[in-house]
C-alpha cells in the first residue's frame, strides 16, 4: 500500500525537496495534505500536481484565495486555516507519515500532534526539540511515534549510530556535528557589522530559506543542532562537539568508545536525508548524483572560531541552565534574525540580543506543557524585542 504523507511547510526548501522525492515514487507515496504560510501560488501548483485531500494556509484571507483558485481549476482539495488545522492534518487517522518542515516555534504543536498520534514523524523542524525537548521526547516514547531526523547532520548521526538504542550509552563516546561555516567562515570578524541580509542569505552549499540561511551565517543553526542532538540521541552536552567542514561532504560523525569514528558522506543535497527518512529502513532513489571520489578535492576541518561565531557556544550554556532556557534562546534568535532581515539590526548584534535575552530571562520552573512552553516563548520574544530595539540601527 502507498504511504500517505502530510507535508507541513510544503512550499519551503525542505517541503519542495520532499515532494521532489515523492514525485519519483508514485507507487510508494501519496500526498494526503500540504500546508504553507502565505505562498498561495506555490501551494496551488502543488495541489494541482499532487491532488491532496487537504491544504492548510496560515490566514483566513490566504485560505479563501487558495480555495477560489482551486475551484477555478476544478480541484477537489479542501482548504483549511491554521493553526488548529495543522494539528488535524498531522494527526489524521489516515496519515502514515508527517514531514515536519515548518520553520520556527510554530512547528511545535503540529509535530507534537503527530507524535501523540503515533505517526512516523520526519522531523526537519529544529525548534520542536529546541523549544520542547523533554516534553517532545516523552511524547514520542509514550505514544509509539517513530521519529526520524531529517536535518542532514542528525540524519547522518542516526545512520551511524548502532541500531540498538539501548547500547548507545556503553558503545558511543561522542557525536561530532559538522558545519560549513557559512559564507563568512574566512571573513575578518571586525567587518561583520557590514554584512547585509543578501550576503548572509547566500549559503555556499545549500539553497535554503532566509531565516535558516542567516542562522547558518551566524552558526546559530549549529547551536540549535547541538540542543537538538542532545534530545534526539540522549547525549550529555559534553558528548557533542562541532567542527567546521567547508565542503560538507561528511555530514556528521559518531565516535565510539574504542576511538573508531563512523561518518556518513554524500552530495550536499537535502533530498538524501529526506529519501532516507521516507523509506527507512529501506533505501530509495533520491534524485541526487552520488559522490565521485576521483573528483573530490581535499576534505578540510577547522575549529569553530568563537570570535567569528560566538552564537554556537550558546548551546552548551543554554543546556546547562534551567530547563526552558533553550526555549528562550530560540525565541530570542527568531526575533533578532527577523530584525536583521528587515534591516533594523546589524548582523553582529544578533548574538548580542540572544546573549542579553538569556541573561534577562531565566526560567523559574520547568515548562511541562505546550501552553507553558508557548508562554515562555512569548515572554522571551518580548524581552528580545526590547533588546533588539536597544541595538536598533
Protein backbone atom coordinates (compact mmCIF):
# COMPACT_ATOMS: atom_id res chain seq x y z
CA UNK A 1 0.00 0.00 0.00
CA UNK A 2 1.08 3.58 -0.61
CA UNK A 3 2.34 5.57 2.34
CA UNK A 4 0.05 8.59 2.90
CA UNK A 5 2.06 11.70 3.72
CA UNK A 6 1.33 15.10 5.21
CA UNK A 7 3.92 17.76 4.42
CA UNK A 8 3.92 20.63 6.92
CA UNK A 9 5.62 23.59 5.24
CA UNK A 10 5.41 22.21 1.71
CA UNK A 11 6.45 25.40 -0.12
CA UNK A 12 9.75 25.81 1.76
CA UNK A 13 13.04 24.28 0.69
CA UNK A 14 12.55 21.06 2.69
CA UNK A 15 8.94 20.77 1.59
CA UNK A 16 9.70 21.15 -2.10
CA UNK A 17 12.59 18.69 -1.83
CA UNK A 18 10.27 16.22 -0.12
CA UNK A 19 7.76 16.49 -2.93
CA UNK A 20 10.54 16.02 -5.47
CA UNK A 21 11.42 12.67 -3.86
CA UNK A 22 7.73 11.73 -3.64
CA UNK A 23 7.30 12.61 -7.32
CA UNK A 24 9.91 10.00 -8.22
CA UNK A 25 8.00 7.21 -6.45
CA UNK A 26 4.31 7.43 -7.39
CA UNK A 27 3.81 3.79 -6.48
CA UNK A 28 5.15 4.24 -2.92
CA UNK A 29 3.77 7.55 -1.68
CA UNK A 30 0.53 9.51 -1.78
CA UNK A 31 0.22 13.12 -0.61
CA UNK A 32 -2.61 13.42 1.91
CA UNK A 33 -2.19 17.07 2.97
CA UNK A 34 0.02 20.10 2.38
CA UNK A 35 0.48 23.34 4.30
CA UNK A 36 2.00 26.75 3.69
CA UNK A 37 2.03 30.14 5.37
CA UNK A 38 1.43 32.72 2.63
CA UNK A 39 2.61 31.34 -0.73
CA UNK A 40 -0.74 30.83 -2.41
CA UNK A 41 0.53 30.33 -5.96
CA UNK A 42 3.19 27.81 -4.92
CA UNK A 43 0.72 25.79 -2.85
CA UNK A 44 -1.82 25.97 -5.67
CA UNK A 45 0.67 24.44 -8.10
CA UNK A 46 1.48 21.67 -5.60
CA UNK A 47 -2.21 20.94 -5.04
CA UNK A 48 -2.89 20.71 -8.76
CA UNK A 49 0.00 18.27 -9.21
CA UNK A 50 -0.38 16.06 -6.14
CA UNK A 51 -4.13 16.45 -5.50
CA UNK A 52 -4.03 16.23 -1.70
CA UNK A 53 -7.23 15.85 0.26
CA UNK A 54 -6.42 18.93 2.37
CA UNK A 55 -4.41 22.12 2.06
CA UNK A 56 -3.81 24.45 5.00
CA UNK A 57 -2.87 28.13 4.95
CA UNK A 58 -1.93 30.38 7.84
CA UNK A 59 -4.60 33.08 7.47
CA UNK A 60 -8.27 33.18 6.51
CA UNK A 61 -7.52 35.57 3.65
CA UNK A 62 -4.88 33.29 2.13
CA UNK A 63 -7.11 30.26 2.64
CA UNK A 64 -10.03 31.94 0.84
CA UNK A 65 -7.81 32.95 -2.06
CA UNK A 66 -6.39 29.44 -2.43
CA UNK A 67 -9.89 27.93 -2.28
CA UNK A 68 -11.08 30.25 -5.03
CA UNK A 69 -8.15 29.38 -7.28
CA UNK A 70 -8.60 25.65 -6.68
CA UNK A 71 -12.29 25.92 -7.51
CA UNK A 72 -11.44 27.73 -10.75
CA UNK A 73 -9.25 24.75 -11.64
CA UNK A 74 -11.95 22.22 -10.66
CA UNK A 75 -9.66 20.81 -7.95
CA UNK A 76 -11.22 18.85 -5.10
CA UNK A 77 -8.68 19.73 -2.40
CA UNK A 78 -10.37 21.10 0.74
CA UNK A 79 -8.73 24.25 2.12
CA UNK A 80 -8.43 24.71 5.91
CA UNK A 81 -7.00 27.51 8.03
CA UNK A 82 -4.16 27.12 10.55
CA UNK A 83 -3.23 26.79 13.35
CA UNK A 84 -5.73 24.14 14.53
CA UNK A 85 -5.91 22.62 11.07
CA UNK A 86 -2.17 21.88 11.15
CA UNK A 87 -2.70 19.56 14.09
CA UNK A 88 -5.64 17.96 12.27
CA UNK A 89 -3.65 17.06 9.17
CA UNK A 90 -0.67 15.94 11.27
CA UNK A 91 -2.70 13.52 13.39
CA UNK A 92 -5.40 12.39 10.94
CA UNK A 93 -6.12 8.67 11.23
CA UNK A 94 -5.46 8.11 7.52
CA UNK A 95 -1.96 9.66 7.63
CA UNK A 96 1.02 7.32 7.83
CA UNK A 97 3.90 9.80 7.84
CA UNK A 98 4.35 13.50 8.57
CA UNK A 99 7.15 15.71 7.28
CA UNK A 100 7.57 18.43 9.89
CA UNK A 101 9.22 21.22 7.92
CA UNK A 102 7.59 24.35 9.35
CA UNK A 103 10.33 26.75 10.45
CA UNK A 104 10.26 28.10 13.99
CA UNK A 105 8.22 27.52 17.13
CA UNK A 106 5.06 27.36 15.00
CA UNK A 107 6.03 23.81 14.09
CA UNK A 108 5.97 22.54 17.70
CA UNK A 109 2.23 21.94 18.14
CA UNK A 110 1.57 20.03 14.88
CA UNK A 111 4.70 17.91 15.35
CA UNK A 112 3.58 17.08 18.88
CA UNK A 113 0.16 16.19 17.49
CA UNK A 114 1.80 13.78 15.05
CA UNK A 115 3.84 12.26 17.88
CA UNK A 116 0.76 11.83 20.09
CA UNK A 117 -0.99 10.08 17.21
CA UNK A 118 1.93 7.64 16.91
CA UNK A 119 2.84 8.69 13.39
CA UNK A 120 6.08 8.19 11.52
CA UNK A 121 7.47 11.69 12.03
CA UNK A 122 10.18 13.02 9.75
CA UNK A 123 11.48 15.93 11.79
CA UNK A 124 13.09 18.83 9.95
CA UNK A 125 11.90 21.38 12.49
CA UNK A 126 14.80 22.02 14.89
CA UNK A 127 12.65 24.14 17.14
CA UNK A 128 10.31 21.29 18.13
CA UNK A 129 13.21 19.84 20.14
CA UNK A 130 14.94 23.11 20.99
CA UNK A 131 11.74 24.60 22.41
CA UNK A 132 10.23 21.48 23.96
CA UNK A 133 12.89 18.77 24.00
CA UNK A 134 11.94 16.94 27.20
CA UNK A 135 8.20 17.16 26.57
CA UNK A 136 8.61 16.20 22.92
CA UNK A 137 10.74 13.11 23.52
CA UNK A 138 8.45 12.00 26.34
CA UNK A 139 5.52 12.20 23.92
CA UNK A 140 7.43 10.23 21.28
CA UNK A 141 8.22 7.46 23.76
CA UNK A 142 4.77 7.27 25.31
CA UNK A 143 2.80 7.13 22.06
CA UNK A 144 4.86 4.83 19.87
CA UNK A 145 5.92 7.54 17.43
CA UNK A 146 8.71 6.62 15.00
CA UNK A 147 10.97 9.68 14.98
CA UNK A 148 13.35 10.09 12.03
CA UNK A 149 15.63 13.17 11.91
CA UNK A 150 15.83 14.97 8.57
CA UNK A 151 18.47 17.63 9.23
CA UNK A 152 21.43 16.36 7.23
CA UNK A 153 23.65 16.29 10.33
CA UNK A 154 21.18 14.45 12.55
CA UNK A 155 20.23 12.05 9.79
CA UNK A 156 23.94 11.28 9.40
CA UNK A 157 24.30 10.60 13.12
CA UNK A 158 21.18 8.43 13.10
CA UNK A 159 22.61 6.36 10.25
CA UNK A 160 25.97 5.94 12.05
CA UNK A 161 24.69 5.00 15.49
CA UNK A 162 24.29 1.35 16.49
CA UNK A 163 20.82 0.08 15.57
CA UNK A 164 20.05 -0.98 19.13
CA UNK A 165 19.43 2.22 21.08
CA UNK A 166 19.90 0.52 24.44
CA UNK A 167 23.61 0.01 23.59
CA UNK A 168 24.40 3.66 22.87
CA UNK A 169 25.42 4.53 26.43
CA UNK A 170 28.16 1.90 26.58
CA UNK A 171 29.26 1.98 22.91
CA UNK A 172 29.19 5.68 21.94
CA UNK A 173 31.79 8.14 23.16
CA UNK A 174 30.63 11.33 21.41
CA UNK A 175 28.88 12.92 18.47
CA UNK A 176 30.67 15.24 16.04
CA UNK A 177 28.44 17.68 14.18
CA UNK A 178 29.94 19.19 11.04
CA UNK A 179 29.27 22.75 9.91
CA UNK A 180 30.05 24.52 6.65
CA UNK A 181 30.92 27.75 8.42
CA UNK A 182 28.55 29.59 6.10
CA UNK A 183 29.53 32.48 3.85
CA UNK A 184 31.68 34.25 6.48
CA UNK A 185 33.97 31.42 7.55
CA UNK A 186 37.07 33.33 6.45
CA UNK A 187 35.80 36.88 6.82
CA UNK A 188 37.53 39.31 9.19
CA UNK A 189 35.31 39.42 12.31
CA UNK A 190 35.92 43.18 12.50
CA UNK A 191 33.88 43.63 9.30
CA UNK A 192 30.83 41.57 10.29
CA UNK A 193 28.90 44.71 11.20
CA UNK A 194 28.81 45.49 7.46
CA UNK A 195 27.04 42.25 6.46
CA UNK A 196 23.77 42.70 4.56
CA UNK A 197 20.78 40.32 4.52
CA UNK A 198 21.55 39.42 0.90
CA UNK A 199 25.11 38.45 1.79
CA UNK A 200 24.02 36.43 4.83
CA UNK A 201 21.43 34.50 2.81
CA UNK A 202 23.97 33.30 0.25
CA UNK A 203 24.91 29.87 1.58
CA UNK A 204 27.95 28.29 -0.13
CA UNK A 205 26.46 24.78 -0.42
CA UNK A 206 22.69 24.72 0.09
CA UNK A 207 19.67 26.65 -1.16
CA UNK A 208 17.67 27.39 2.00
CA UNK A 209 15.10 29.77 3.39
CA UNK A 210 16.21 33.21 4.56
CA UNK A 211 15.93 32.58 8.29
CA UNK A 212 17.84 29.29 8.12
CA UNK A 213 20.47 30.89 5.90
CA UNK A 214 21.09 33.65 8.44
CA UNK A 215 21.33 31.03 11.19
CA UNK A 216 23.96 29.26 9.11
CA UNK A 217 25.89 32.51 8.68
CA UNK A 218 25.92 33.16 12.45
CA UNK A 219 26.21 29.41 13.19
CA UNK A 220 23.19 29.67 15.45
CA UNK A 221 21.86 26.79 13.36
CA UNK A 222 24.65 24.69 14.84
CA UNK A 223 23.81 25.87 18.35
CA UNK A 224 20.24 24.70 17.78
CA UNK A 225 21.51 21.43 16.31
CA UNK A 226 23.64 20.75 19.40
CA UNK A 227 20.50 21.16 21.53
CA UNK A 228 18.51 19.00 19.12
CA UNK A 229 21.17 16.27 19.19
CA UNK A 230 21.15 16.25 22.99
CA UNK A 231 17.45 15.29 22.95
CA UNK A 232 17.35 13.11 19.84
CA UNK A 233 20.21 10.89 20.93
CA UNK A 234 20.02 11.32 24.72
CA UNK A 235 23.60 12.59 24.95
CA UNK A 236 25.13 14.81 27.59
CA UNK A 237 26.13 18.29 26.32
CA UNK A 238 29.83 17.49 26.74
CA UNK A 239 29.43 14.47 24.41
CA UNK A 240 28.53 16.73 21.49
CA UNK A 241 31.23 18.51 19.50
CA UNK A 242 31.22 20.84 16.49
CA UNK A 243 33.84 21.02 13.74
CA UNK A 244 33.91 23.16 10.60
CA UNK A 245 33.98 21.17 7.38
CA UNK A 246 33.52 23.63 4.49
CA UNK A 247 33.00 21.02 1.76
CA UNK A 248 30.02 19.47 3.63
CA UNK A 249 30.77 16.03 2.21
CA UNK A 250 30.93 14.43 5.66
CA UNK A 251 27.57 15.30 7.18
CA UNK A 252 28.41 14.26 10.74
CA UNK A 253 30.25 11.58 12.68
CA UNK A 254 29.94 9.27 15.67
CA UNK A 255 32.99 8.40 17.77
CA UNK A 256 32.75 5.03 19.51
CA UNK A 257 34.40 4.07 22.79
CA UNK A 258 37.30 2.34 21.01
CA UNK A 259 38.07 5.66 19.20
CA UNK A 260 36.68 4.39 15.90
CA UNK A 261 34.81 7.11 14.03
CA UNK A 262 31.88 6.37 11.74
CA UNK A 263 30.94 9.04 9.20
CA UNK A 264 28.10 9.47 6.73
CA UNK A 265 29.15 11.03 3.41
CA UNK A 266 27.15 12.25 0.48
CA UNK A 267 26.46 15.01 -2.00
CA UNK A 268 25.20 18.07 -0.08
CA UNK A 269 21.55 17.84 -1.12
CA UNK A 270 18.63 17.59 1.32
CA UNK A 271 16.88 15.02 -0.83
CA UNK A 272 19.31 12.39 0.51
CA UNK A 273 18.23 12.57 4.19
CA UNK A 274 14.62 13.09 3.08
CA UNK A 275 14.66 9.91 0.99
CA UNK A 276 16.31 8.10 3.89
CA UNK A 277 13.55 9.20 6.26
CA UNK A 278 10.71 8.44 3.86
CA UNK A 279 11.84 4.88 3.18
CA UNK A 280 13.75 3.85 6.34
CA UNK A 281 14.94 1.13 6.84
CA UNK A 282 14.74 0.65 3.08
CA UNK A 283 16.64 2.84 0.62
CA UNK A 284 15.13 4.54 -2.42
CA UNK A 285 16.35 6.76 -5.26
CA UNK A 286 16.63 10.37 -4.09
CA UNK A 287 17.41 12.02 -7.42
CA UNK A 288 20.86 13.08 -6.22
CA UNK A 289 24.05 12.24 -8.08
CA UNK A 290 26.38 10.06 -5.98
CA UNK A 291 29.81 11.24 -4.93
CA UNK A 292 32.63 10.73 -7.39
CA UNK A 293 35.66 10.25 -5.13
CA UNK A 294 38.07 10.66 -8.05
CA UNK A 295 36.86 14.24 -8.44
CA UNK A 296 36.78 15.28 -4.80
CA UNK A 297 39.21 17.89 -3.59
CA UNK A 298 40.78 17.57 -0.16
CA UNK A 299 38.41 17.42 2.81
CA UNK A 300 39.31 20.08 5.36
CA UNK A 301 38.39 20.65 9.01
CA UNK A 302 38.71 23.64 11.33
CA UNK A 303 37.72 24.70 14.82
CA UNK A 304 34.68 26.94 15.21
CA UNK A 305 36.14 30.40 15.84
CA UNK A 306 34.49 31.80 18.97
CA UNK A 307 35.18 35.36 17.86
CA UNK A 308 33.59 34.90 14.43
CA UNK A 309 30.84 32.51 15.60
CA UNK A 310 30.02 33.29 19.25
CA UNK A 311 26.46 32.04 18.81
CA UNK A 312 27.37 28.37 18.53
CA UNK A 313 28.69 28.37 22.11
CA UNK A 314 25.31 29.50 23.47
CA UNK A 315 24.05 25.93 23.00
CA UNK A 316 26.16 24.47 25.82
CA UNK A 317 25.38 27.49 28.01
CA UNK A 318 21.63 27.02 27.49
CA UNK A 319 21.72 23.24 28.03
CA UNK A 320 23.47 23.66 31.40
CA UNK A 321 20.99 26.33 32.52
CA UNK A 322 17.47 25.69 33.93
CA UNK A 323 15.15 23.74 31.64
CA UNK A 324 13.34 26.16 29.36
CA UNK A 325 16.45 28.23 28.66
CA UNK A 326 16.73 26.68 25.20
CA UNK A 327 13.17 27.93 24.55
CA UNK A 328 14.33 31.42 25.47
CA UNK A 329 17.37 31.15 23.19
CA UNK A 330 15.33 30.02 20.21
CA UNK A 331 12.74 32.79 20.64
CA UNK A 332 15.40 35.46 21.03
CA UNK A 333 17.18 34.29 17.91
CA UNK A 334 13.99 34.34 15.83
CA UNK A 335 13.32 37.93 16.92
CA UNK A 336 16.91 39.02 16.29
CA UNK A 337 17.11 37.38 12.85
CA UNK A 338 13.80 38.92 11.83
CA UNK A 339 15.06 42.35 12.88
CA UNK A 340 18.24 41.81 10.86
CA UNK A 341 16.36 40.64 7.76
CA UNK A 342 14.21 43.78 7.98
CA UNK A 343 17.36 45.89 8.35
CA UNK A 344 16.55 47.03 11.87
CA UNK A 345 19.51 45.27 13.46
CA UNK A 346 23.14 44.83 12.45
CA UNK A 347 24.35 41.31 11.72
CA UNK A 348 26.93 41.34 14.51
CA UNK A 349 24.28 42.32 17.05
CA UNK A 350 22.17 39.18 16.58
CA UNK A 351 24.40 37.48 19.14
CA UNK A 352 24.17 40.47 21.48
CA UNK A 353 20.37 40.23 21.51
CA UNK A 354 20.49 36.47 22.11
CA UNK A 355 23.01 36.74 24.96
CA UNK A 356 21.22 39.65 26.63
CA UNK A 357 17.87 37.84 26.47
CA UNK A 358 19.34 34.73 28.11
CA UNK A 359 20.72 36.90 30.92
CA UNK A 360 17.46 38.81 31.39
CA UNK A 361 15.03 35.86 31.39
CA UNK A 362 15.93 32.78 33.46
CA UNK A 363 13.07 30.22 33.68
CA UNK A 364 11.97 29.73 37.27
CA UNK A 365 10.18 26.42 36.78
CA UNK A 366 10.12 23.55 34.30
CA UNK A 367 7.65 24.23 31.45
CA UNK A 368 5.74 20.95 31.46
CA UNK A 369 3.11 21.63 28.81
CA UNK A 370 2.78 23.17 25.36
CA UNK A 371 0.92 26.10 26.91
CA UNK A 372 3.76 26.72 29.36
CA UNK A 373 6.35 26.49 26.58
CA UNK A 374 4.42 28.93 24.40
CA UNK A 375 4.00 31.32 27.33
CA UNK A 376 7.76 31.24 27.95
CA UNK A 377 8.34 31.66 24.21
CA UNK A 378 6.13 34.78 24.21
CA UNK A 379 7.93 36.23 27.23
CA UNK A 380 11.29 35.66 25.57
CA UNK A 381 10.13 37.32 22.36
CA UNK A 382 9.01 40.37 24.28
CA UNK A 383 12.35 40.63 26.07
CA UNK A 384 14.27 40.05 22.83
CA UNK A 385 12.24 42.72 21.04
CA UNK A 386 13.28 45.23 23.71
CA UNK A 387 16.90 44.16 23.37
CA UNK A 388 16.73 44.46 19.57
CA UNK A 389 15.28 47.95 19.94
CA UNK A 390 18.18 48.87 22.23
CA UNK A 391 20.67 47.97 19.48
CA UNK A 392 18.50 49.08 16.56
CA UNK A 393 20.18 50.62 13.54
